[in-house]
Structures are given as C-alpha cells and as structure tokens.
C-alpha cells in the first residue's frame, strides 16, 4: 500500500528506487522485492507507474526500525 504525499514534503524532491538504493547502500532489486512482497514496509508513493520515496519518511522508517542489541545478563 502506498503512503500519501503530505503537503509539508513537497519542498524536497522524491527519490526513485535507484536513489534510495544508493542512499541505503543495498541493491535496487532488494528494494523492489521488499516493496512488492511487503517483506519490509518502506514507505513509498505511486505516481502513475512511478514509485517514489520521501527522504524524511525513509529516515523516520529507519529510526523506527533500528535494532538495538540487548545485553545478555550473566
């Protein structure tokens, strides 16, 4: 499911899949797979056939999905 574009986000350009792949340092095919299968729920918008990603939403998604190692008690 796509995420609607919020008016506050219209001041910055949206990233395409190639730009997001560069930003995250992962293959474009991985992002496409995640998006199509829902395996990883990165927020995106569809504009016609074009898929776009808002940088602020992706950064928030990264913060929300950051894993912290839990200390093991001795």
PDB file of N, CA and C in Angstrom:
ATOM      1  N   UNK A   1       0.847  -1.174   0.000  1.00  0.00           N
ATOM      2  CA  UNK A   1       0.000   0.000   0.000  1.00  0.00           C
ATOM      3  C   UNK A   1       0.892   1.237   0.000  1.00  0.00           C
ATOM      4  N   UNK A   2       0.572   2.204  -0.789  1.00  0.00           N
ATOM      5  CA  UNK A   2       1.398   3.402  -0.877  1.00  0.00           C
ATOM      6  C   UNK A   2       1.013   4.402   0.205  1.00  0.00           C
ATOM      7  N   UNK A   3       1.956   5.263   0.501  1.00  0.00           N
ATOM      8  CA  UNK A   3       1.765   6.289   1.508  1.00  0.00           C
ATOM      9  C   UNK A   3       1.425   7.592   0.798  1.00  0.00           C
ATOM     10  N   UNK A   4       0.379   8.308   1.252  1.00  0.00           N
ATOM     11  CA  UNK A   4       0.060   9.569   0.580  1.00  0.00           C
ATOM     12  C   UNK A   4       1.150  10.606   0.810  1.00  0.00           C
ATOM     13  N   UNK A   5       1.332  11.485  -0.159  1.00  0.00           N
ATOM     14  CA  UNK A   5       2.312  12.559  -0.039  1.00  0.00           C
ATOM     15  C   UNK A   5       1.712  13.655   0.821  1.00  0.00           C
ATOM     16  N   UNK A   6       2.438  14.069   1.839  1.00  0.00           N
ATOM     17  CA  UNK A   6       1.975  15.124   2.723  1.00  0.00           C
ATOM     18  C   UNK A   6       2.429  16.467   2.162  1.00  0.00           C
ATOM     19  N   UNK A   7       1.590  17.520   2.274  1.00  0.00           N
ATOM     20  CA  UNK A   7       1.967  18.826   1.730  1.00  0.00           C
ATOM     21  C   UNK A   7       3.299  19.347   2.258  1.00  0.00           C
ATOM     22  N   UNK A   8       3.663  19.044   3.500  1.00  0.00           N
ATOM     23  CA  UNK A   8       4.925  19.530   4.057  1.00  0.00           C
ATOM     24  C   UNK A   8       6.132  18.913   3.358  1.00  0.00           C
ATOM     25  N   UNK A   9       5.933  17.806   2.657  1.00  0.00           N
ATOM     26  CA  UNK A   9       7.037  17.113   1.996  1.00  0.00           C
ATOM     27  C   UNK A   9       7.259  17.576   0.561  1.00  0.00           C
ATOM     28  N   UNK A  10       6.444  18.483   0.067  1.00  0.00           N
ATOM     29  CA  UNK A  10       6.524  18.859  -1.342  1.00  0.00           C
ATOM     30  C   UNK A  10       7.678  19.793  -1.658  1.00  0.00           C
ATOM     31  N   UNK A  11       8.398  20.281  -0.650  1.00  0.00           N
ATOM     32  CA  UNK A  11       9.523  21.178  -0.890  1.00  0.00           C
ATOM     33  C   UNK A  11      10.792  20.445  -1.287  1.00  0.00           C
ATOM     34  N   UNK A  12      10.848  19.162  -1.090  1.00  0.00           N
ATOM     35  CA  UNK A  12      12.044  18.409  -1.440  1.00  0.00           C
ATOM     36  C   UNK A  12      11.706  17.379  -2.507  1.00  0.00           C
ATOM     37  N   UNK A  13      12.661  17.071  -3.373  1.00  0.00           N
ATOM     38  CA  UNK A  13      12.392  16.085  -4.411  1.00  0.00           C
ATOM     39  C   UNK A  13      12.238  14.691  -3.813  1.00  0.00           C
ATOM     40  N   UNK A  14      11.451  13.880  -4.485  1.00  0.00           N
ATOM     41  CA  UNK A  14      11.281  12.489  -4.074  1.00  0.00           C
ATOM     42  C   UNK A  14      12.368  11.654  -4.730  1.00  0.00           C
ATOM     43  N   UNK A  15      12.752  10.571  -4.064  1.00  0.00           N
ATOM     44  CA  UNK A  15      13.774   9.669  -4.595  1.00  0.00           C
ATOM     45  C   UNK A  15      13.109   8.550  -5.372  1.00  0.00           C
ATOM     46  N   UNK A  16      13.772   8.105  -6.442  1.00  0.00           N
ATOM     47  CA  UNK A  16      13.321   6.897  -7.115  1.00  0.00           C
ATOM     48  C   UNK A  16      14.036   5.699  -6.477  1.00  0.00           C
ATOM     49  N   UNK A  17      13.767   4.515  -6.971  1.00  0.00           N
ATOM     50  CA  UNK A  17      14.338   3.311  -6.371  1.00  0.00           C
ATOM     51  C   UNK A  17      15.862   3.298  -6.452  1.00  0.00           C
ATOM     52  N   UNK A  18      16.425   3.773  -7.545  1.00  0.00           N
ATOM     53  CA  UNK A  18      17.885   3.800  -7.685  1.00  0.00           C
ATOM     54  C   UNK A  18      18.520   4.738  -6.662  1.00  0.00           C
ATOM     55  N   UNK A  19      17.898   5.891  -6.457  1.00  0.00           N
ATOM     56  CA  UNK A  19      18.424   6.839  -5.472  1.00  0.00           C
ATOM     57  C   UNK A  19      18.330   6.267  -4.056  1.00  0.00           C
ATOM     58  N   UNK A  20      17.208   5.606  -3.752  1.00  0.00           N
ATOM     59  CA  UNK A  20      17.048   5.005  -2.429  1.00  0.00           C
ATOM     60  C   UNK A  20      18.061   3.886  -2.223  1.00  0.00           C
ATOM     61  N   UNK A  21      18.290   3.091  -3.253  1.00  0.00           N
ATOM     62  CA  UNK A  21      19.278   2.013  -3.157  1.00  0.00           C
ATOM     63  C   UNK A  21      20.658   2.573  -2.852  1.00  0.00           C
ATOM     64  N   UNK A  22      21.016   3.669  -3.492  1.00  0.00           N
ATOM     65  CA  UNK A  22      22.298   4.317  -3.216  1.00  0.00           C
ATOM     66  C   UNK A  22      22.331   4.840  -1.785  1.00  0.00           C
ATOM     67  N   UNK A  23      21.264   5.486  -1.358  1.00  0.00           N
ATOM     68  CA  UNK A  23      21.170   6.035  -0.004  1.00  0.00           C
ATOM     69  C   UNK A  23      21.319   4.939   1.053  1.00  0.00           C
ATOM     70  N   UNK A  24      20.658   3.788   0.831  1.00  0.00           N
ATOM     71  CA  UNK A  24      20.695   2.684   1.803  1.00  0.00           C
ATOM     72  C   UNK A  24      21.859   1.726   1.573  1.00  0.00           C
ATOM     73  N   UNK A  25      22.543   1.883   0.443  1.00  0.00           N
ATOM     74  CA  UNK A  25      23.658   1.016   0.075  1.00  0.00           C
ATOM     75  C   UNK A  25      23.231  -0.455  -0.027  1.00  0.00           C
ATOM     76  N   UNK A  26      22.106  -0.661  -0.708  1.00  0.00           N
ATOM     77  CA  UNK A  26      21.612  -2.010  -0.981  1.00  0.00           C
ATOM     78  C   UNK A  26      21.168  -2.064  -2.447  1.00  0.00           C
ATOM     79  N   UNK A  27      21.067  -3.259  -3.020  1.00  0.00           N
ATOM     80  CA  UNK A  27      20.680  -3.373  -4.428  1.00  0.00           C
ATOM     81  C   UNK A  27      19.250  -2.889  -4.695  1.00  0.00           C
ATOM     82  N   UNK A  28      19.038  -2.311  -5.886  1.00  0.00           N
ATOM     83  CA  UNK A  28      17.689  -1.897  -6.291  1.00  0.00           C
ATOM     84  C   UNK A  28      16.729  -3.074  -6.262  1.00  0.00           C
ATOM     85  N   UNK A  29      17.219  -4.234  -6.647  1.00  0.00           N
ATOM     86  CA  UNK A  29      16.348  -5.412  -6.703  1.00  0.00           C
ATOM     87  C   UNK A  29      15.822  -5.787  -5.317  1.00  0.00           C
ATOM     88  N   UNK A  30      16.608  -5.541  -4.290  1.00  0.00           N
ATOM     89  CA  UNK A  30      16.162  -5.832  -2.921  1.00  0.00           C
ATOM     90  C   UNK A  30      15.017  -4.907  -2.545  1.00  0.00           C
ATOM     91  N   UNK A  31      15.151  -3.633  -2.852  1.00  0.00           N
ATOM     92  CA  UNK A  31      14.079  -2.677  -2.549  1.00  0.00           C
ATOM     93  C   UNK A  31      12.811  -3.030  -3.310  1.00  0.00           C
ATOM     94  N   UNK A  32      12.953  -3.378  -4.580  1.00  0.00           N
ATOM     95  CA  UNK A  32      11.794  -3.759  -5.384  1.00  0.00           C
ATOM     96  C   UNK A  32      11.118  -5.003  -4.811  1.00  0.00           C
ATOM     97  N   UNK A  33      11.908  -5.963  -4.384  1.00  0.00           N
ATOM     98  CA  UNK A  33      11.357  -7.184  -3.786  1.00  0.00           C
ATOM     99  C   UNK A  33      10.612  -6.857  -2.503  1.00  0.00           C
ATOM    100  N   UNK A  34      11.236  -6.071  -1.642  1.00  0.00           N
ATOM    101  CA  UNK A  34      10.582  -5.692  -0.377  1.00  0.00           C
ATOM    102  C   UNK A  34       9.251  -5.006  -0.638  1.00  0.00           C
ATOM    103  N   UNK A  35       9.249  -4.085  -1.609  1.00  0.00           N
ATOM    104  CA  UNK A  35       8.039  -3.328  -1.915  1.00  0.00           C
ATOM    105  C   UNK A  35       6.947  -4.238  -2.463  1.00  0.00           C
ATOM    106  N   UNK A  36       7.308  -5.144  -3.357  1.00  0.00           N
ATOM    107  CA  UNK A  36       6.294  -5.990  -3.992  1.00  0.00           C
ATOM    108  C   UNK A  36       5.777  -7.096  -3.084  1.00  0.00           C
ATOM    109  N   UNK A  37       6.618  -7.587  -2.186  1.00  0.00           N
ATOM    110  CA  UNK A  37       6.192  -8.681  -1.299  1.00  0.00           C
ATOM    111  C   UNK A  37       5.679  -8.184   0.048  1.00  0.00           C
ATOM    112  N   UNK A  38       6.023  -6.938   0.411  1.00  0.00           N
ATOM    113  CA  UNK A  38       5.649  -6.434   1.727  1.00  0.00           C
ATOM    114  C   UNK A  38       6.543  -6.977   2.828  1.00  0.00           C
ATOM    115  N   UNK A  39       7.620  -7.669   2.439  1.00  0.00           N
ATOM    116  CA  UNK A  39       8.553  -8.257   3.401  1.00  0.00           C
ATOM    117  C   UNK A  39       9.122  -7.185   4.338  1.00  0.00           C
ATOM    118  N   UNK A  40       9.453  -6.040   3.784  1.00  0.00           N
ATOM    119  CA  UNK A  40       9.914  -4.882   4.540  1.00  0.00           C
ATOM    120  C   UNK A  40       9.049  -3.716   4.087  1.00  0.00           C
ATOM    121  N   UNK A  41       8.482  -3.002   5.030  1.00  0.00           N
ATOM    122  CA  UNK A  41       7.482  -1.992   4.707  1.00  0.00           C
ATOM    123  C   UNK A  41       8.068  -0.580   4.658  1.00  0.00           C
ATOM    124  N   UNK A  42       8.919  -0.318   3.662  1.00  0.00           N
ATOM    125  CA  UNK A  42       9.462   1.022   3.473  1.00  0.00           C
ATOM    126  C   UNK A  42       8.364   1.890   2.859  1.00  0.00           C
ATOM    127  N   UNK A  43       8.110   3.081   3.427  1.00  0.00           N
ATOM    128  CA  UNK A  43       7.043   3.934   2.884  1.00  0.00           C
ATOM    129  C   UNK A  43       7.379   4.432   1.476  1.00  0.00           C
ATOM    130  N   UNK A  44       6.391   4.359   0.584  1.00  0.00           N
ATOM    131  CA  UNK A  44       6.584   4.825  -0.787  1.00  0.00           C
ATOM    132  C   UNK A  44       5.282   5.379  -1.324  1.00  0.00           C
ATOM    133  N   UNK A  45       5.379   6.121  -2.400  1.00  0.00           N
ATOM    134  CA  UNK A  45       4.214   6.660  -3.099  1.00  0.00           C
ATOM    135  C   UNK A  45       4.263   6.201  -4.544  1.00  0.00           C
ATOM    136  N   UNK A  46       3.092   6.003  -5.125  1.00  0.00           N
ATOM    137  CA  UNK A  46       2.994   5.682  -6.554  1.00  0.00           C
ATOM    138  C   UNK A  46       2.400   6.891  -7.251  1.00  0.00           C
ATOM    139  N   UNK A  47       3.072   7.331  -8.302  1.00  0.00           N
ATOM    140  CA  UNK A  47       2.584   8.417  -9.130  1.00  0.00           C
ATOM    141  C   UNK A  47       2.497   7.836 -10.536  1.00  0.00           C
ATOM    142  N   UNK A  48       1.309   7.446 -10.911  1.00  0.00           N
ATOM    143  CA  UNK A  48       1.154   6.676 -12.152  1.00  0.00           C
ATOM    144  C   UNK A  48       1.863   5.351 -11.958  1.00  0.00           C
ATOM    145  N   UNK A  49       2.800   5.037 -12.844  1.00  0.00           N
ATOM    146  CA  UNK A  49       3.600   3.817 -12.699  1.00  0.00           C
ATOM    147  C   UNK A  49       4.896   4.052 -11.942  1.00  0.00           C
ATOM    148  N   UNK A  50       5.185   5.306 -11.605  1.00  0.00           N
ATOM    149  CA  UNK A  50       6.440   5.648 -10.938  1.00  0.00           C
ATOM    150  C   UNK A  50       6.327   5.432  -9.428  1.00  0.00           C
ATOM    151  N   UNK A  51       7.363   4.842  -8.866  1.00  0.00           N
ATOM    152  CA  UNK A  51       7.455   4.647  -7.416  1.00  0.00           C
ATOM    153  C   UNK A  51       8.435   5.679  -6.891  1.00  0.00           C
ATOM    154  N   UNK A  52       8.050   6.391  -5.842  1.00  0.00           N
ATOM    155  CA  UNK A  52       8.905   7.423  -5.260  1.00  0.00           C
ATOM    156  C   UNK A  52       8.928   7.285  -3.745  1.00  0.00           C
ATOM    157  N   UNK A  53      10.050   7.737  -3.171  1.00  0.00           N
ATOM    158  CA  UNK A  53      10.278   7.652  -1.731  1.00  0.00           C
ATOM    159  C   UNK A  53      10.604   9.040  -1.198  1.00  0.00           C
ATOM    160  N   UNK A  54       9.945   9.422  -0.100  1.00  0.00           N
ATOM    161  CA  UNK A  54      10.212  10.697   0.549  1.00  0.00           C
ATOM    162  C   UNK A  54      11.359  10.489   1.543  1.00  0.00           C
ATOM    163  N   UNK A  55      12.407  11.296   1.443  1.00  0.00           N
ATOM    164  CA  UNK A  55      13.600  11.127   2.275  1.00  0.00           C
ATOM    165  C   UNK A  55      13.266  11.209   3.762  1.00  0.00           C
ATOM    166  N   UNK A  56      12.440  12.176   4.159  1.00  0.00           N
ATOM    167  CA  UNK A  56      12.093  12.304   5.580  1.00  0.00           C
ATOM    168  C   UNK A  56      11.361  11.067   6.094  1.00  0.00           C
ATOM    169  N   UNK A  57      10.451  10.527   5.286  1.00  0.00           N
ATOM    170  CA  UNK A  57       9.708   9.331   5.698  1.00  0.00           C
ATOM    171  C   UNK A  57      10.635   8.118   5.780  1.00  0.00           C
ATOM    172  N   UNK A  58      11.581   8.012   4.856  1.00  0.00           N
ATOM    173  CA  UNK A  58      12.535   6.898   4.894  1.00  0.00           C
ATOM    174  C   UNK A  58      13.429   7.015   6.123  1.00  0.00           C
ATOM    175  N   UNK A  59      13.884   8.223   6.432  1.00  0.00           N
ATOM    176  CA  UNK A  59      14.709   8.415   7.633  1.00  0.00           C
ATOM    177  C   UNK A  59      13.924   8.056   8.890  1.00  0.00           C
ATOM    178  N   UNK A  60      12.652   8.433   8.946  1.00  0.00           N
ATOM    179  CA  UNK A  60      11.823   8.077  10.107  1.00  0.00           C
ATOM    180  C   UNK A  60      11.636   6.569  10.173  1.00  0.00           C
ATOM    181  N   UNK A  61      11.433   5.934   9.031  1.00  0.00           N
ATOM    182  CA  UNK A  61      11.286   4.478   8.983  1.00  0.00           C
ATOM    183  C   UNK A  61      12.554   3.815   9.519  1.00  0.00           C
ATOM    184  N   UNK A  62      13.727   4.353   9.147  1.00  0.00           N
ATOM    185  CA  UNK A  62      14.989   3.805   9.648  1.00  0.00           C
ATOM    186  C   UNK A  62      15.071   3.933  11.164  1.00  0.00           C
ATOM    187  N   UNK A  63      14.690   5.093  11.696  1.00  0.00           N
ATOM    188  CA  UNK A  63      14.704   5.289  13.148  1.00  0.00           C
ATOM    189  C   UNK A  63      13.750   4.318  13.840  1.00  0.00           C
ATOM    190  N   UNK A  64      12.555   4.180  13.276  1.00  0.00           N
ATOM    191  CA  UNK A  64      11.541   3.302  13.879  1.00  0.00           C
ATOM    192  C   UNK A  64      11.926   1.832  13.817  1.00  0.00           C
ATOM    193  N   UNK A  65      12.783   1.464  12.876  1.00  0.00           N
ATOM    194  CA  UNK A  65      13.142   0.058  12.688  1.00  0.00           C
ATOM    195  C   UNK A  65      14.579  -0.254  13.070  1.00  0.00           C
ATOM    196  N   UNK A  66      15.221   0.645  13.787  1.00  0.00           N
ATOM    197  CA  UNK A  66      16.578   0.400  14.245  1.00  0.00           C
ATOM    198  C   UNK A  66      16.560  -0.636  15.363  1.00  0.00           C
ATOM    199  N   UNK A  67      17.407  -1.626  15.226  1.00  0.00           N
ATOM    200  CA  UNK A  67      17.503  -2.683  16.227  1.00  0.00           C
ATOM    201  C   UNK A  67      18.647  -2.379  17.175  1.00  0.00           C
ATOM    202  N   UNK A  68      18.407  -2.572  18.459  1.00  0.00           N
ATOM    203  CA  UNK A  68      19.450  -2.365  19.461  1.00  0.00           C
ATOM    204  C   UNK A  68      19.743  -3.710  20.111  1.00  0.00           C
ATOM    205  N   UNK A  69      21.008  -4.013  20.211  1.00  0.00           N
ATOM    206  CA  UNK A  69      21.403  -5.275  20.809  1.00  0.00           C
ATOM    207  C   UNK A  69      21.045  -5.255  22.290  1.00  0.00           C
ATOM    208  N   UNK A  70      20.422  -6.309  22.738  1.00  0.00           N
ATOM    209  CA  UNK A  70      20.029  -6.429  24.137  1.00  0.00           C
ATOM    210  C   UNK A  70      21.172  -7.110  24.888  1.00  0.00           C
ATOM    211  N   UNK A  71      21.570  -6.499  26.010  1.00  0.00           N
ATOM    212  CA  UNK A  71      22.644  -7.089  26.810  1.00  0.00           C
ATOM    213  C   UNK A  71      22.150  -8.389  27.430  1.00  0.00           C
ATOM    214  N   UNK A  72      23.009  -9.372  27.357  1.00  0.00           N
ATOM    215  CA  UNK A  72      22.685 -10.644  27.998  1.00  0.00           C
ATOM    216  C   UNK A  72      23.150 -10.578  29.448  1.00  0.00           C
ATOM    217  N   UNK A  73      22.250 -10.996  30.337  1.00  0.00           N
ATOM    218  CA  UNK A  73      22.595 -10.984  31.744  1.00  0.00           C
ATOM    219  C   UNK A  73      23.436 -12.196  32.074  1.00  0.00           C
ATOM    220  N   UNK A  74      24.477 -11.984  32.896  1.00  0.00           N
ATOM    221  CA  UNK A  74      25.389 -13.075  33.256  1.00  0.00           C
ATOM    222  C   UNK A  74      24.849 -13.890  34.403  1.00  0.00           C
TER     223      UNK A  74
END
